[in-house]
Amino acid sequence: MAGTDVSSFDCHGLEWSSNFAAMVQRVPIETNSNAELKPAAAMAEAGGFRNILDTLWSSRDTEDGSLVRQENEHLASKTREAPLVPTDIISDPRTVASLCLIYTSMQWLASGLARLRRVVPQSESSKRTSSRSQQTRRWTLLELSKSTSDDAAVQLPLNQESATTFDGIVGSMRSMALDALFTLQVDMRCGVAHMAVRMLDAPYLLPYPTNNPNPEVLTLNSDLLSSDDALHTYLSEDEHSFMTSGLAAFLDQLLVTNASRIRSMDANGCGRMQLNILVLQQNLKAIEGDVSLSRSSQFFELFVEGADAIVARAKEAGGKVEFSLDECKVLVELCHSEGLQSTQREPSVQAKKNLADHHRQLEDCMS
């Protein structure tokens, strides 16, 4: 096989890589600013986190929960450090479909080319070179679709030099396929993180009970179902499982670790939050299977019990409760938030005093 034949694949690879980069770039805020990758694409190619994704993908059949926890903790930390905005998310269904197709196409093409690879000895390569004046044959992608039912399988004869180039091209195709798959997987979680933060930023001091979840909950459910439809259309069940496994655990974690974003909450607001969690949980069951948002549900159930009951529970358990000290302190502060927000001096001062006392008691038994 001539070097120009191998190089033609390399040229196509550069074009495909350019198209992929265009799909996952942020829209520049300033005209002259350099283009940056959207957070999902940037995180998916970063060294340490990419290793987690590689291991998670290669060991997806082992159901290793520790890897999912590592990914969730990393993403929760990154999205907390740099809150996401709507344009950071790959929300266009056409882009999602295109990234799915990049993954499947690159996987198919790399596998097909690898089956055709054959390194020929130098002597045989020389004979082929001398006979090229008699017959010139150019390999194209059409060869991949031809069935080879006879004994002699179609192969691409390569010398050592062209084989090295060829292997690099096939490796780049496989890497690009995983770039697309991992970007989609991380982007689903970025979308969850973005909408979870917006949901927590909503007001939860409500004058009356409500039977409707937050609008952000309905938007998140719609986005997840739309992405799930695309995944079912373009990817296999194995890949779909990789994309969706751990979504509920990630959201469950976010609702607790980011609860400090809630400025204030009363009983009616807590009721709405519990409704939000229930609606999100039912939607995730349709996507991921038998999952629950049990930790966040329990967190807000403790709010209903009140600050005194939370502190008493921690003391009875010797400080070994389901939540960390910081999470318990946030929860107690939420219990006092209505008083802290009061415009009247006496309730506000009393709430601050009670909060300080409860924090001290929690530190004494949990530190």
Protein backbone atom coordinates (compact mmCIF):
# COMPACT_ATOMS: atom_id res chain seq x y z
CA MET A 1 0.00 0.00 0.00
CA ALA A 2 1.46 3.38 -1.00
CA GLY A 3 2.13 6.12 1.54
CA THR A 4 -0.33 8.40 -0.27
CA ASP A 5 -3.11 5.83 0.29
CA VAL A 6 -2.49 5.84 4.03
CA SER A 7 -2.16 9.63 4.06
CA SER A 8 -5.60 9.99 2.49
CA PHE A 9 -7.10 8.42 5.62
CA ASP A 10 -5.04 10.82 7.72
CA CYS A 11 -6.47 13.80 5.82
CA HIS A 12 -10.00 12.54 6.41
CA GLY A 13 -9.13 12.09 10.10
CA LEU A 14 -8.09 15.74 10.39
CA GLU A 15 -11.39 16.79 8.83
CA TRP A 16 -13.42 14.59 11.22
CA SER A 17 -11.42 15.91 14.18
CA SER A 18 -12.13 19.49 13.08
CA ASN A 19 -15.86 18.76 12.82
CA PHE A 20 -15.88 17.22 16.30
CA ALA A 21 -14.06 20.22 17.78
CA ALA A 22 -16.60 22.60 16.20
CA MET A 23 -19.47 20.73 17.86
CA VAL A 24 -18.04 20.96 21.37
CA GLN A 25 -16.66 24.51 21.36
CA ARG A 26 -18.01 27.27 23.56
CA VAL A 27 -19.41 30.30 21.80
CA PRO A 28 -16.73 33.01 22.31
CA ILE A 29 -17.92 35.87 24.51
CA GLU A 30 -15.65 38.31 22.68
CA THR A 31 -15.07 38.36 18.93
CA ASN A 32 -11.28 38.11 19.15
CA SER A 33 -11.13 35.61 22.03
CA ASN A 34 -9.77 32.11 21.50
CA ALA A 35 -12.30 29.31 21.18
CA GLU A 36 -12.56 27.05 24.22
CA LEU A 37 -14.11 23.63 24.63
CA LYS A 38 -17.39 23.25 26.48
CA PRO A 39 -16.82 21.95 30.02
CA ALA A 40 -17.88 18.38 29.23
CA ALA A 41 -15.40 18.08 26.35
CA ALA A 42 -12.63 19.77 28.34
CA MET A 43 -13.13 17.51 31.36
CA ALA A 44 -13.43 14.39 29.21
CA GLU A 45 -9.97 14.91 27.76
CA ALA A 46 -8.22 15.96 31.00
CA GLY A 47 -5.56 13.54 32.24
CA GLY A 48 -6.63 12.21 35.63
CA PHE A 49 -10.34 12.40 34.99
CA ARG A 50 -9.95 10.83 31.54
CA ASN A 51 -8.29 7.88 33.28
CA ILE A 52 -11.38 7.48 35.47
CA LEU A 53 -13.62 7.50 32.38
CA ASP A 54 -11.37 5.02 30.55
CA THR A 55 -11.43 2.65 33.51
CA LEU A 56 -15.17 3.11 33.99
CA TRP A 57 -15.76 2.27 30.31
CA SER A 58 -13.41 -0.72 30.17
CA SER A 59 -14.73 -2.20 33.45
CA ARG A 60 -18.41 -1.33 32.97
CA ASP A 61 -19.47 -4.96 33.46
CA THR A 62 -17.93 -5.20 36.94
CA GLU A 63 -20.42 -2.79 38.59
CA ASP A 64 -17.60 -1.09 40.52
CA GLY A 65 -19.43 1.56 42.49
CA SER A 66 -16.18 3.21 43.62
CA LEU A 67 -15.44 4.40 40.08
CA VAL A 68 -18.89 5.97 39.76
CA ARG A 69 -18.35 7.71 43.11
CA GLN A 70 -14.97 9.03 41.92
CA GLU A 71 -16.53 10.44 38.78
CA ASN A 72 -19.45 11.98 40.67
CA GLU A 73 -17.20 13.55 43.29
CA HIS A 74 -14.92 15.02 40.63
CA LEU A 75 -17.81 16.48 38.64
CA ALA A 76 -19.56 17.80 41.74
CA SER A 77 -16.36 19.55 42.79
CA LYS A 78 -15.65 21.01 39.34
CA THR A 79 -19.18 22.31 38.81
CA ARG A 80 -19.17 23.83 42.29
CA GLU A 81 -15.86 25.62 41.62
CA ALA A 82 -17.03 26.95 38.25
CA PRO A 83 -20.85 27.10 38.04
CA LEU A 84 -22.22 26.28 34.60
CA VAL A 85 -24.30 28.51 32.35
CA PRO A 86 -26.84 27.35 29.72
CA THR A 87 -24.40 27.76 26.81
CA ASP A 88 -21.98 25.35 28.51
CA ILE A 89 -24.36 22.45 27.90
CA ILE A 90 -24.60 20.52 24.62
CA SER A 91 -28.38 20.74 24.55
CA ASP A 92 -29.11 20.72 20.81
CA PRO A 93 -30.60 17.28 19.93
CA ARG A 94 -28.93 17.43 16.51
CA THR A 95 -25.51 17.87 18.12
CA VAL A 96 -26.19 14.98 20.50
CA ALA A 97 -27.18 12.81 17.52
CA SER A 98 -24.08 13.90 15.59
CA LEU A 99 -21.78 13.01 18.49
CA CYS A 100 -23.43 9.60 18.75
CA LEU A 101 -22.81 9.09 15.03
CA ILE A 102 -19.17 10.16 15.37
CA TYR A 103 -18.73 7.51 18.04
CA THR A 104 -20.39 4.69 16.08
CA SER A 105 -18.78 5.68 12.75
CA MET A 106 -15.26 5.95 14.13
CA GLN A 107 -15.63 2.64 16.00
CA TRP A 108 -16.91 0.88 12.88
CA LEU A 109 -14.26 2.38 10.62
CA ALA A 110 -11.38 1.65 13.00
CA SER A 111 -12.51 -1.96 13.47
CA GLY A 112 -12.93 -2.46 9.73
CA LEU A 113 -9.52 -1.03 8.89
CA ALA A 114 -7.80 -3.04 11.62
CA ARG A 115 -9.15 -6.26 10.10
CA LEU A 116 -7.58 -5.36 6.76
CA ARG A 117 -4.11 -4.69 8.17
CA ARG A 118 -1.30 -6.97 6.97
CA VAL A 119 2.40 -6.20 7.19
CA VAL A 120 4.31 -7.82 4.31
CA PRO A 121 8.01 -8.79 4.37
CA GLN A 122 10.45 -6.45 2.66
CA SER A 123 11.04 -8.91 -0.20
CA GLU A 124 7.34 -9.20 -0.95
CA SER A 125 6.94 -5.45 -0.65
CA SER A 126 9.67 -4.95 -3.26
CA LYS A 127 7.94 -7.32 -5.68
CA ARG A 128 4.66 -5.43 -5.22
CA THR A 129 6.43 -2.12 -5.87
CA SER A 130 7.98 -3.40 -9.13
CA SER A 131 4.61 -4.63 -10.36
CA ARG A 132 2.72 -1.36 -9.67
CA SER A 133 3.51 -0.19 -13.24
CA GLN A 134 1.49 -3.14 -14.53
CA GLN A 135 -1.54 -2.64 -12.24
CA THR A 136 -2.42 0.21 -9.94
CA ARG A 137 -5.13 -0.36 -7.35
CA ARG A 138 -6.32 2.33 -4.98
CA TRP A 139 -8.05 1.27 -1.75
CA THR A 140 -11.18 3.10 -0.76
CA LEU A 141 -13.69 2.90 2.09
CA LEU A 142 -15.95 0.91 -0.25
CA GLU A 143 -13.69 -2.08 0.29
CA LEU A 144 -14.86 -2.22 3.92
CA SER A 145 -18.44 -2.94 2.88
CA LYS A 146 -17.61 -5.79 0.49
CA SER A 147 -18.17 -9.28 1.86
CA THR A 148 -15.28 -11.71 1.58
CA SER A 149 -16.87 -15.11 1.41
CA ASP A 150 -13.96 -16.67 -0.50
CA ASP A 151 -10.90 -18.12 1.19
CA ALA A 152 -8.66 -15.11 0.57
CA ALA A 153 -9.77 -12.22 2.78
CA VAL A 154 -9.29 -8.68 1.49
CA GLN A 155 -6.23 -7.14 3.13
CA LEU A 156 -4.13 -3.99 2.92
CA PRO A 157 -0.46 -4.90 2.35
CA LEU A 158 1.74 -2.55 4.39
CA ASN A 159 5.46 -2.19 4.89
CA GLN A 160 6.84 -1.37 8.35
CA GLU A 161 6.82 2.39 7.76
CA SER A 162 3.28 2.61 6.39
CA ALA A 163 2.06 0.16 9.07
CA THR A 164 3.22 2.55 11.79
CA THR A 165 1.36 5.42 10.14
CA PHE A 166 -1.68 3.22 9.58
CA ASP A 167 -1.77 2.09 13.23
CA GLY A 168 -1.56 5.71 14.36
CA ILE A 169 -4.55 6.64 12.20
CA VAL A 170 -6.63 3.71 13.48
CA GLY A 171 -5.69 4.63 17.05
CA SER A 172 -6.73 8.24 16.44
CA MET A 173 -10.12 7.05 15.16
CA ARG A 174 -10.69 4.97 18.27
CA SER A 175 -9.59 7.86 20.48
CA MET A 176 -11.98 10.23 18.70
CA ALA A 177 -14.81 7.74 19.16
CA LEU A 178 -14.19 7.68 22.91
CA ASP A 179 -13.84 11.48 22.97
CA ALA A 180 -17.37 11.73 21.59
CA LEU A 181 -18.79 9.06 23.92
CA PHE A 182 -17.14 10.47 27.04
CA THR A 183 -18.14 14.04 26.16
CA LEU A 184 -21.78 12.98 25.91
CA GLN A 185 -21.57 11.06 29.18
CA VAL A 186 -20.07 13.99 31.08
CA ASP A 187 -22.38 16.51 29.40
CA MET A 188 -25.46 14.68 30.68
CA ARG A 189 -24.09 15.16 34.18
CA CYS A 190 -23.20 18.80 33.50
CA GLY A 191 -26.80 19.38 32.46
CA VAL A 192 -27.99 17.74 35.69
CA ALA A 193 -25.61 19.88 37.77
CA HIS A 194 -26.67 23.10 36.05
CA MET A 195 -30.39 22.52 36.54
CA ALA A 196 -29.93 21.22 40.10
CA VAL A 197 -28.19 24.46 41.07
CA ARG A 198 -30.94 26.53 39.46
CA MET A 199 -33.53 24.49 41.35
CA LEU A 200 -31.75 25.06 44.66
CA ASP A 201 -31.46 28.80 43.97
CA ALA A 202 -35.25 29.10 43.75
CA PRO A 203 -37.21 30.56 46.72
CA TYR A 204 -38.41 28.10 49.36
CA LEU A 205 -40.16 30.50 51.70
CA LEU A 206 -43.69 29.94 50.41
CA PRO A 207 -46.91 31.47 51.78
CA TYR A 208 -48.92 28.32 50.99
CA PRO A 209 -48.41 24.66 50.00
CA THR A 210 -48.03 23.81 46.33
CA ASN A 211 -48.71 20.71 44.26
CA ASN A 212 -46.38 21.72 41.43
CA PRO A 213 -42.63 21.08 41.22
CA ASN A 214 -40.19 23.81 40.27
CA PRO A 215 -40.07 24.67 36.55
CA GLU A 216 -36.38 23.69 36.57
CA VAL A 217 -37.39 20.15 37.52
CA LEU A 218 -39.68 19.85 34.52
CA THR A 219 -36.97 21.26 32.24
CA LEU A 220 -34.38 18.82 33.56
CA ASN A 221 -36.75 15.88 33.13
CA SER A 222 -37.50 16.94 29.56
CA ASP A 223 -33.79 17.34 28.73
CA LEU A 224 -32.93 13.93 30.19
CA LEU A 225 -35.72 12.17 28.31
CA SER A 226 -34.70 13.85 25.04
CA SER A 227 -31.07 12.75 25.50
CA ASP A 228 -32.21 9.26 26.48
CA ASP A 229 -34.26 8.95 23.28
CA ALA A 230 -31.20 9.89 21.20
CA LEU A 231 -29.02 7.38 23.05
CA HIS A 232 -31.53 4.59 22.44
CA THR A 233 -31.70 5.53 18.76
CA TYR A 234 -27.99 5.68 17.99
CA LEU A 235 -26.19 3.62 20.63
CA SER A 236 -26.26 0.03 21.84
CA GLU A 237 -27.67 -1.01 25.21
CA ASP A 238 -24.15 -1.42 26.53
CA GLU A 239 -23.25 2.16 25.67
CA HIS A 240 -26.60 3.45 26.92
CA SER A 241 -25.95 1.82 30.28
CA PHE A 242 -22.52 3.45 30.47
CA MET A 243 -24.06 6.85 29.73
CA THR A 244 -26.89 6.69 32.25
CA SER A 245 -25.56 4.57 35.14
CA GLY A 246 -24.89 6.74 38.18
CA LEU A 247 -27.04 9.69 37.09
CA ALA A 248 -29.40 9.32 40.05
CA ALA A 249 -26.51 8.95 42.50
CA PHE A 250 -24.94 12.11 41.07
CA LEU A 251 -28.13 14.15 41.42
CA ASP A 252 -28.74 12.73 44.90
CA GLN A 253 -25.27 13.90 45.92
CA LEU A 254 -25.69 17.35 44.36
CA LEU A 255 -28.94 18.10 46.18
CA VAL A 256 -27.23 17.54 49.53
CA THR A 257 -23.76 19.00 48.92
CA ASN A 258 -25.21 22.14 47.34
CA ALA A 259 -28.06 22.63 49.83
CA SER A 260 -26.24 25.69 51.20
CA ARG A 261 -27.41 27.52 48.08
CA ILE A 262 -30.95 27.55 49.48
CA ARG A 263 -31.25 30.98 51.07
CA SER A 264 -34.21 30.15 53.31
CA MET A 265 -36.87 27.49 53.70
CA ASP A 266 -40.13 26.95 55.55
CA ALA A 267 -42.43 23.94 55.83
CA ASN A 268 -44.21 24.77 52.56
CA GLY A 269 -40.88 25.20 50.77
CA CYS A 270 -39.63 21.89 52.14
CA GLY A 271 -42.81 20.25 50.87
CA ARG A 272 -42.06 21.59 47.42
CA MET A 273 -38.48 20.33 47.58
CA GLN A 274 -39.69 16.88 48.55
CA LEU A 275 -42.09 16.97 45.60
CA ASN A 276 -39.18 17.99 43.33
CA ILE A 277 -37.18 15.00 44.52
CA LEU A 278 -40.09 12.61 43.96
CA VAL A 279 -40.73 13.87 40.42
CA LEU A 280 -37.03 13.67 39.53
CA GLN A 281 -36.80 10.17 40.98
CA GLN A 282 -39.72 8.88 38.92
CA ASN A 283 -38.20 10.28 35.75
CA LEU A 284 -34.80 8.76 36.48
CA LYS A 285 -36.41 5.36 37.03
CA ALA A 286 -37.64 5.51 33.43
CA ILE A 287 -34.06 6.17 32.28
CA GLU A 288 -31.75 4.33 34.65
CA GLY A 289 -33.94 1.64 36.19
CA ASP A 290 -34.69 0.97 39.83
CA VAL A 291 -32.99 3.97 41.44
CA SER A 292 -33.87 6.36 44.23
CA LEU A 293 -32.85 9.76 45.56
CA SER A 294 -32.89 8.40 49.08
CA ARG A 295 -30.13 10.53 50.58
CA SER A 296 -31.53 13.88 49.51
CA SER A 297 -35.04 12.74 50.45
CA GLN A 298 -33.86 11.84 53.95
CA PHE A 299 -31.96 15.13 54.23
CA PHE A 300 -35.09 17.21 53.76
CA GLU A 301 -37.18 14.85 55.89
CA LEU A 302 -34.84 15.79 58.77
CA PHE A 303 -35.69 19.45 58.11
CA VAL A 304 -39.29 18.64 58.97
CA GLU A 305 -38.18 17.16 62.31
CA GLY A 306 -36.44 20.40 63.25
CA ALA A 307 -33.03 21.51 64.51
CA ASP A 308 -33.45 20.08 68.03
CA ALA A 309 -34.26 16.62 66.63
CA ILE A 310 -31.28 16.77 64.24
CA VAL A 311 -28.87 17.57 67.08
CA ALA A 312 -30.45 14.93 69.33
CA ARG A 313 -30.08 12.30 66.60
CA ALA A 314 -26.40 13.15 66.15
CA LYS A 315 -25.77 12.88 69.91
CA GLU A 316 -27.57 9.54 70.20
CA ALA A 317 -25.50 8.13 67.33
CA GLY A 318 -22.26 9.39 68.80
CA GLY A 319 -21.80 11.68 65.83
CA LYS A 320 -21.95 8.80 63.32
CA VAL A 321 -24.94 9.87 61.26
CA GLU A 322 -25.71 9.68 57.53
CA PHE A 323 -24.44 13.18 56.85
CA SER A 324 -21.17 15.01 57.44
CA LEU A 325 -20.73 17.75 60.02
CA ASP A 326 -20.86 20.44 57.34
CA GLU A 327 -24.03 18.97 55.86
CA CYS A 328 -25.68 18.80 59.28
CA LYS A 329 -24.72 22.41 59.97
CA VAL A 330 -26.29 23.50 56.68
CA LEU A 331 -29.43 21.56 57.54
CA VAL A 332 -29.69 23.17 60.98
CA GLU A 333 -29.14 26.59 59.42
CA LEU A 334 -32.02 25.91 57.02
CA CYS A 335 -34.21 25.08 60.01
CA HIS A 336 -33.44 28.53 61.45
CA SER A 337 -33.46 30.36 58.08
CA GLU A 338 -37.02 31.64 58.38
CA GLY A 339 -36.16 33.35 61.68
CA LEU A 340 -32.83 34.59 60.33
CA GLN A 341 -34.66 36.25 57.42
CA SER A 342 -37.20 37.92 59.69
CA THR A 343 -37.42 41.71 59.45
CA GLN A 344 -38.23 41.84 63.16
CA ARG A 345 -35.25 42.15 65.47
CA GLU A 346 -36.28 39.75 68.24
CA PRO A 347 -36.97 36.65 66.07
CA SER A 348 -33.78 37.31 64.10
CA VAL A 349 -31.58 37.63 67.20
CA GLN A 350 -33.11 34.51 68.77
CA ALA A 351 -32.59 32.52 65.57
CA LYS A 352 -28.90 33.52 65.45
CA LYS A 353 -28.46 32.54 69.09
CA ASN A 354 -30.16 29.15 68.60
CA LEU A 355 -28.18 28.48 65.44
CA ALA A 356 -24.85 29.14 67.16
CA ASP A 357 -25.86 26.83 70.01
CA HIS A 358 -26.91 24.02 67.67
CA HIS A 359 -23.70 24.37 65.62
CA ARG A 360 -21.64 24.14 68.80
CA GLN A 361 -23.46 20.99 69.91
CA LEU A 362 -22.96 19.38 66.51
CA GLU A 363 -19.24 20.20 66.57
CA ASP A 364 -18.93 18.73 70.06
CA CYS A 365 -20.42 15.37 69.10
CA MET A 366 -19.26 15.05 65.47
CA SER A 367 -15.76 16.53 65.46
